[in-house]
């Protein structure tokens, strides 16, 4: 089996190997979101979804979407494309809340 894998690897073009690297890096980035969520939940002693979860979701999902396009896999494209919309929307909510919080802080009158 290892010999078959080595032969397969040797037959791949450098462009194909680059895309395989992108695919593996994308999967690692996407998987990191679960580790981040797990660590944050352990620290808080309750289930939470930290802000960085959504950034890792979006970047990993975008990389996987690009990989799916390269592979011409419509099932993979649809799955990642739908997820990207959700991740982007959650990031939008995060940014909007931060802007609203900053605006609220700047409009508060100093205590006398």
N, C-alpha and C. Protein backbone atom coordinates (compact mmCIF):
# COMPACT_ATOMS: atom_id res chain seq x y z
N UNK A 1 0.82 -1.19 0.00
CA UNK A 1 0.00 0.00 0.00
C UNK A 1 0.87 1.26 0.00
N UNK A 2 1.91 1.26 0.82
CA UNK A 2 2.82 2.41 0.85
C UNK A 2 3.51 2.59 -0.49
N UNK A 3 3.85 1.47 -1.13
CA UNK A 3 4.50 1.54 -2.44
C UNK A 3 3.55 2.14 -3.47
N UNK A 4 2.27 1.77 -3.40
CA UNK A 4 1.26 2.33 -4.31
C UNK A 4 1.12 3.84 -4.10
N UNK A 5 1.11 4.25 -2.84
CA UNK A 5 1.01 5.67 -2.52
C UNK A 5 2.23 6.42 -3.04
N UNK A 6 3.40 5.85 -2.87
CA UNK A 6 4.63 6.50 -3.36
C UNK A 6 4.61 6.62 -4.88
N UNK A 7 4.13 5.60 -5.57
CA UNK A 7 4.04 5.66 -7.04
C UNK A 7 3.02 6.71 -7.47
N UNK A 8 1.90 6.74 -6.80
CA UNK A 8 0.88 7.74 -7.13
C UNK A 8 1.45 9.14 -6.93
N UNK A 9 2.12 9.35 -5.81
CA UNK A 9 2.71 10.65 -5.49
C UNK A 9 3.71 11.06 -6.57
N UNK A 10 4.53 10.13 -7.01
CA UNK A 10 5.56 10.41 -8.02
C UNK A 10 4.94 10.79 -9.36
N UNK A 11 3.75 10.33 -9.64
CA UNK A 11 3.09 10.63 -10.93
C UNK A 11 2.41 12.00 -10.94
N UNK A 12 2.30 12.65 -9.81
CA UNK A 12 1.58 13.93 -9.74
C UNK A 12 2.45 15.06 -10.27
N UNK A 13 1.82 15.97 -10.99
CA UNK A 13 2.54 17.15 -11.48
C UNK A 13 2.78 18.10 -10.31
N UNK A 14 3.69 19.04 -10.50
CA UNK A 14 3.96 20.01 -9.43
C UNK A 14 2.72 20.86 -9.16
N UNK A 15 1.96 21.19 -10.21
CA UNK A 15 0.72 21.95 -10.02
C UNK A 15 -0.29 21.17 -9.19
N UNK A 16 -0.39 19.88 -9.46
CA UNK A 16 -1.31 19.03 -8.69
C UNK A 16 -0.86 18.94 -7.23
N UNK A 17 0.43 18.84 -7.01
CA UNK A 17 0.95 18.78 -5.64
C UNK A 17 0.68 20.08 -4.89
N UNK A 18 0.78 21.20 -5.60
CA UNK A 18 0.46 22.49 -4.97
C UNK A 18 -1.00 22.51 -4.55
N UNK A 19 -1.90 22.06 -5.42
CA UNK A 19 -3.32 22.04 -5.08
C UNK A 19 -3.61 21.06 -3.94
N UNK A 20 -2.89 19.94 -3.90
CA UNK A 20 -3.04 19.03 -2.77
C UNK A 20 -2.61 19.71 -1.48
N UNK A 21 -1.52 20.46 -1.53
CA UNK A 21 -1.08 21.22 -0.37
C UNK A 21 -2.11 22.23 0.07
N UNK A 22 -2.72 22.92 -0.90
CA UNK A 22 -3.78 23.88 -0.59
C UNK A 22 -4.97 23.16 0.06
N UNK A 23 -5.32 22.01 -0.49
CA UNK A 23 -6.44 21.24 0.07
C UNK A 23 -6.18 20.80 1.50
N UNK A 24 -4.98 20.30 1.76
CA UNK A 24 -4.64 19.88 3.12
C UNK A 24 -4.59 21.07 4.07
N UNK A 25 -4.00 22.18 3.63
CA UNK A 25 -3.94 23.39 4.46
C UNK A 25 -5.34 23.91 4.75
N UNK A 26 -6.21 23.86 3.74
CA UNK A 26 -7.59 24.31 3.92
C UNK A 26 -8.31 23.45 4.94
N UNK A 27 -8.13 22.14 4.84
CA UNK A 27 -8.79 21.24 5.79
C UNK A 27 -8.27 21.46 7.20
N UNK A 28 -6.97 21.72 7.33
CA UNK A 28 -6.39 22.02 8.64
C UNK A 28 -6.99 23.31 9.20
N UNK A 29 -7.06 24.35 8.38
CA UNK A 29 -7.62 25.64 8.80
C UNK A 29 -9.08 25.46 9.24
N UNK A 30 -9.84 24.73 8.45
CA UNK A 30 -11.25 24.50 8.75
C UNK A 30 -11.40 23.70 10.05
N UNK A 31 -10.54 22.72 10.25
CA UNK A 31 -10.62 21.89 11.46
C UNK A 31 -10.19 22.64 12.71
N UNK A 32 -9.32 23.61 12.57
CA UNK A 32 -8.84 24.38 13.72
C UNK A 32 -9.99 25.08 14.46
N UNK A 33 -11.05 25.40 13.74
CA UNK A 33 -12.16 26.09 14.38
C UNK A 33 -12.76 25.25 15.51
N UNK A 34 -12.77 23.93 15.34
CA UNK A 34 -13.32 23.07 16.38
C UNK A 34 -12.40 23.02 17.60
N UNK A 35 -11.10 23.04 17.37
CA UNK A 35 -10.16 23.07 18.48
C UNK A 35 -10.31 24.37 19.25
N UNK A 36 -10.43 25.48 18.53
CA UNK A 36 -10.62 26.79 19.17
C UNK A 36 -11.90 26.80 20.00
N UNK A 37 -12.97 26.27 19.44
CA UNK A 37 -14.25 26.24 20.15
C UNK A 37 -14.15 25.34 21.38
N UNK A 38 -13.49 24.22 21.25
CA UNK A 38 -13.34 23.28 22.36
C UNK A 38 -12.54 23.93 23.50
N UNK A 39 -11.40 24.54 23.17
CA UNK A 39 -10.57 25.18 24.19
C UNK A 39 -11.33 26.31 24.88
N UNK A 40 -12.02 27.14 24.10
CA UNK A 40 -12.78 28.25 24.68
C UNK A 40 -13.88 27.74 25.61
N UNK A 41 -14.55 26.67 25.20
CA UNK A 41 -15.61 26.10 26.04
C UNK A 41 -15.04 25.50 27.32
N UNK A 42 -13.89 24.84 27.22
CA UNK A 42 -13.26 24.28 28.42
C UNK A 42 -12.88 25.38 29.39
N UNK A 43 -12.33 26.48 28.87
CA UNK A 43 -11.94 27.60 29.74
C UNK A 43 -13.16 28.22 30.42
N UNK A 44 -14.25 28.36 29.67
CA UNK A 44 -15.46 28.98 30.20
C UNK A 44 -16.31 28.01 31.01
N UNK A 45 -16.02 26.72 30.88
CA UNK A 45 -16.80 25.67 31.54
C UNK A 45 -18.25 25.66 31.08
N UNK A 46 -18.46 26.11 29.83
CA UNK A 46 -19.78 26.05 29.19
C UNK A 46 -19.55 26.12 27.69
N UNK A 47 -20.53 25.74 26.93
CA UNK A 47 -20.39 25.74 25.47
C UNK A 47 -20.49 27.16 24.93
N UNK A 48 -19.44 27.60 24.27
CA UNK A 48 -19.44 28.93 23.64
C UNK A 48 -18.80 28.82 22.25
N UNK A 49 -19.10 29.79 21.42
CA UNK A 49 -18.51 29.88 20.09
C UNK A 49 -17.74 31.20 20.03
N UNK A 50 -16.41 31.14 20.14
CA UNK A 50 -15.64 32.39 20.13
C UNK A 50 -15.61 33.02 18.73
N UNK A 51 -15.31 34.31 18.71
CA UNK A 51 -15.26 35.06 17.45
C UNK A 51 -14.31 34.41 16.44
N UNK A 52 -13.16 33.94 16.91
CA UNK A 52 -12.18 33.36 15.99
C UNK A 52 -12.70 32.11 15.28
N UNK A 53 -13.68 31.44 15.88
CA UNK A 53 -14.31 30.29 15.23
C UNK A 53 -14.82 30.67 13.85
N UNK A 54 -15.46 31.85 13.76
CA UNK A 54 -16.06 32.28 12.49
C UNK A 54 -15.00 32.68 11.48
N UNK A 55 -13.90 33.25 11.95
CA UNK A 55 -12.82 33.61 11.02
C UNK A 55 -12.15 32.36 10.44
N UNK A 56 -11.87 31.39 11.30
CA UNK A 56 -11.31 30.13 10.80
C UNK A 56 -12.30 29.43 9.88
N UNK A 57 -13.59 29.48 10.22
CA UNK A 57 -14.61 28.88 9.36
C UNK A 57 -14.60 29.51 7.98
N UNK A 58 -14.55 30.84 7.94
CA UNK A 58 -14.60 31.54 6.65
C UNK A 58 -13.34 31.29 5.83
N UNK A 59 -12.17 31.45 6.43
CA UNK A 59 -10.92 31.26 5.68
C UNK A 59 -10.78 29.81 5.23
N UNK A 60 -11.00 28.88 6.14
CA UNK A 60 -10.92 27.46 5.77
C UNK A 60 -11.95 27.09 4.72
N UNK A 61 -13.18 27.60 4.88
CA UNK A 61 -14.24 27.34 3.91
C UNK A 61 -13.93 27.91 2.54
N UNK A 62 -13.36 29.12 2.51
CA UNK A 62 -12.99 29.74 1.23
C UNK A 62 -11.89 28.95 0.54
N UNK A 63 -10.92 28.49 1.32
CA UNK A 63 -9.85 27.68 0.74
C UNK A 63 -10.40 26.35 0.22
N UNK A 64 -11.28 25.73 0.98
CA UNK A 64 -11.89 24.47 0.54
C UNK A 64 -12.77 24.69 -0.69
N UNK A 65 -13.45 25.83 -0.75
CA UNK A 65 -14.27 26.16 -1.91
C UNK A 65 -13.39 26.28 -3.16
N UNK A 66 -12.25 26.96 -3.03
CA UNK A 66 -11.32 27.08 -4.15
C UNK A 66 -10.82 25.70 -4.58
N UNK A 67 -10.52 24.86 -3.61
CA UNK A 67 -10.07 23.50 -3.91
C UNK A 67 -11.17 22.71 -4.61
N UNK A 68 -12.41 22.87 -4.17
CA UNK A 68 -13.54 22.18 -4.80
C UNK A 68 -13.73 22.64 -6.25
N UNK A 69 -13.53 23.93 -6.49
CA UNK A 69 -13.62 24.44 -7.87
C UNK A 69 -12.53 23.81 -8.72
N UNK A 70 -11.31 23.77 -8.19
CA UNK A 70 -10.21 23.14 -8.92
C UNK A 70 -10.53 21.69 -9.23
N UNK A 71 -11.12 20.99 -8.28
CA UNK A 71 -11.47 19.58 -8.46
C UNK A 71 -12.73 19.39 -9.30
N UNK A 72 -13.43 20.48 -9.56
CA UNK A 72 -14.69 20.45 -10.33
C UNK A 72 -15.71 19.51 -9.67
N UNK A 73 -15.85 19.66 -8.37
CA UNK A 73 -16.75 18.82 -7.58
C UNK A 73 -17.96 19.65 -7.16
N UNK A 74 -19.10 19.51 -7.85
CA UNK A 74 -20.26 20.35 -7.55
C UNK A 74 -20.85 20.11 -6.16
N UNK A 75 -20.76 18.90 -5.64
CA UNK A 75 -21.28 18.62 -4.30
C UNK A 75 -20.45 19.37 -3.27
N UNK A 76 -19.15 19.30 -3.40
CA UNK A 76 -18.21 19.98 -2.51
C UNK A 76 -18.37 21.50 -2.64
N UNK A 77 -18.54 21.99 -3.87
CA UNK A 77 -18.72 23.43 -4.11
C UNK A 77 -19.99 23.94 -3.42
N UNK A 78 -21.08 23.22 -3.59
CA UNK A 78 -22.35 23.62 -2.99
C UNK A 78 -22.25 23.63 -1.46
N UNK A 79 -21.68 22.58 -0.90
CA UNK A 79 -21.56 22.50 0.55
C UNK A 79 -20.72 23.63 1.12
N UNK A 80 -19.58 23.90 0.52
CA UNK A 80 -18.71 24.96 1.02
C UNK A 80 -19.29 26.34 0.71
N UNK A 81 -19.92 26.49 -0.45
CA UNK A 81 -20.51 27.78 -0.82
C UNK A 81 -21.61 28.20 0.13
N UNK A 82 -22.46 27.26 0.51
CA UNK A 82 -23.53 27.57 1.45
C UNK A 82 -22.95 27.94 2.82
N UNK A 83 -21.95 27.20 3.25
CA UNK A 83 -21.32 27.51 4.52
C UNK A 83 -20.68 28.89 4.53
N UNK A 84 -20.06 29.27 3.42
CA UNK A 84 -19.41 30.59 3.34
C UNK A 84 -20.40 31.72 3.59
N UNK A 85 -21.62 31.56 3.08
CA UNK A 85 -22.63 32.60 3.31
C UNK A 85 -22.95 32.73 4.81
N UNK A 86 -23.05 31.60 5.48
CA UNK A 86 -23.35 31.61 6.92
C UNK A 86 -22.20 32.22 7.70
N UNK A 87 -20.97 31.82 7.36
CA UNK A 87 -19.80 32.36 8.08
C UNK A 87 -19.69 33.86 7.86
N UNK A 88 -19.89 34.29 6.62
CA UNK A 88 -19.80 35.73 6.31
C UNK A 88 -20.88 36.50 7.07
N UNK A 89 -22.06 35.95 7.15
CA UNK A 89 -23.16 36.62 7.86
C UNK A 89 -22.84 36.75 9.35
N UNK A 90 -22.29 35.71 9.94
CA UNK A 90 -21.92 35.79 11.36
C UNK A 90 -20.81 36.80 11.59
N UNK A 91 -19.85 36.88 10.69
CA UNK A 91 -18.79 37.88 10.80
C UNK A 91 -19.39 39.28 10.66
N UNK A 92 -20.35 39.44 9.76
CA UNK A 92 -21.05 40.72 9.62
C UNK A 92 -21.70 41.12 10.94
N UNK A 93 -22.38 40.18 11.60
CA UNK A 93 -23.01 40.47 12.89
C UNK A 93 -21.97 40.87 13.94
N UNK A 94 -20.84 40.18 13.94
CA UNK A 94 -19.77 40.50 14.90
C UNK A 94 -19.29 41.92 14.68
N UNK A 95 -18.99 42.27 13.42
CA UNK A 95 -18.49 43.61 13.11
C UNK A 95 -19.53 44.68 13.42
N UNK A 96 -20.80 44.40 13.09
CA UNK A 96 -21.86 45.37 13.36
C UNK A 96 -22.01 45.62 14.86
N UNK A 97 -21.98 44.56 15.64
CA UNK A 97 -22.08 44.70 17.09
C UNK A 97 -20.92 45.51 17.65
N UNK A 98 -19.72 45.27 17.13
CA UNK A 98 -18.55 46.04 17.59
C UNK A 98 -18.72 47.52 17.25
N UNK A 99 -19.20 47.82 16.03
CA UNK A 99 -19.43 49.22 15.65
C UNK A 99 -20.48 49.86 16.55
N UNK A 100 -21.56 49.15 16.81
CA UNK A 100 -22.62 49.68 17.67
C UNK A 100 -22.12 49.90 19.09
N UNK A 101 -21.32 48.97 19.59
CA UNK A 101 -20.76 49.12 20.94
C UNK A 101 -19.83 50.32 21.01
N UNK A 102 -19.01 50.51 19.99
CA UNK A 102 -18.10 51.66 19.96
C UNK A 102 -18.89 52.97 19.88
N UNK A 103 -19.95 52.98 19.06
CA UNK A 103 -20.77 54.19 18.94
C UNK A 103 -21.45 54.50 20.27
N UNK A 104 -21.92 53.47 20.96
CA UNK A 104 -22.57 53.68 22.26
C UNK A 104 -21.58 54.22 23.29
N UNK A 105 -20.35 53.73 23.25
CA UNK A 105 -19.32 54.22 24.18
C UNK A 105 -18.99 55.67 23.92
N UNK A 106 -18.91 56.05 22.65
CA UNK A 106 -18.51 57.42 22.31
C UNK A 106 -19.62 58.43 22.56
N UNK A 107 -20.87 57.99 22.66
CA UNK A 107 -21.98 58.92 22.90
C UNK A 107 -22.33 59.06 24.38
N UNK A 108 -21.74 58.24 25.23
CA UNK A 108 -22.01 58.34 26.67
C UNK A 108 -21.38 59.61 27.21
N UNK A 109 -22.12 60.27 28.06
CA UNK A 109 -21.61 61.48 28.70
C UNK A 109 -20.71 61.09 29.87
N UNK A 110 -19.64 61.83 30.10
CA UNK A 110 -18.78 61.50 31.24
C UNK A 110 -19.54 61.71 32.56
N UNK A 111 -19.24 60.87 33.53
CA UNK A 111 -19.89 60.98 34.85
C UNK A 111 -19.41 62.25 35.55
N UNK A 112 -20.36 62.93 36.21
CA UNK A 112 -20.01 64.18 36.91
C UNK A 112 -19.83 63.94 38.37
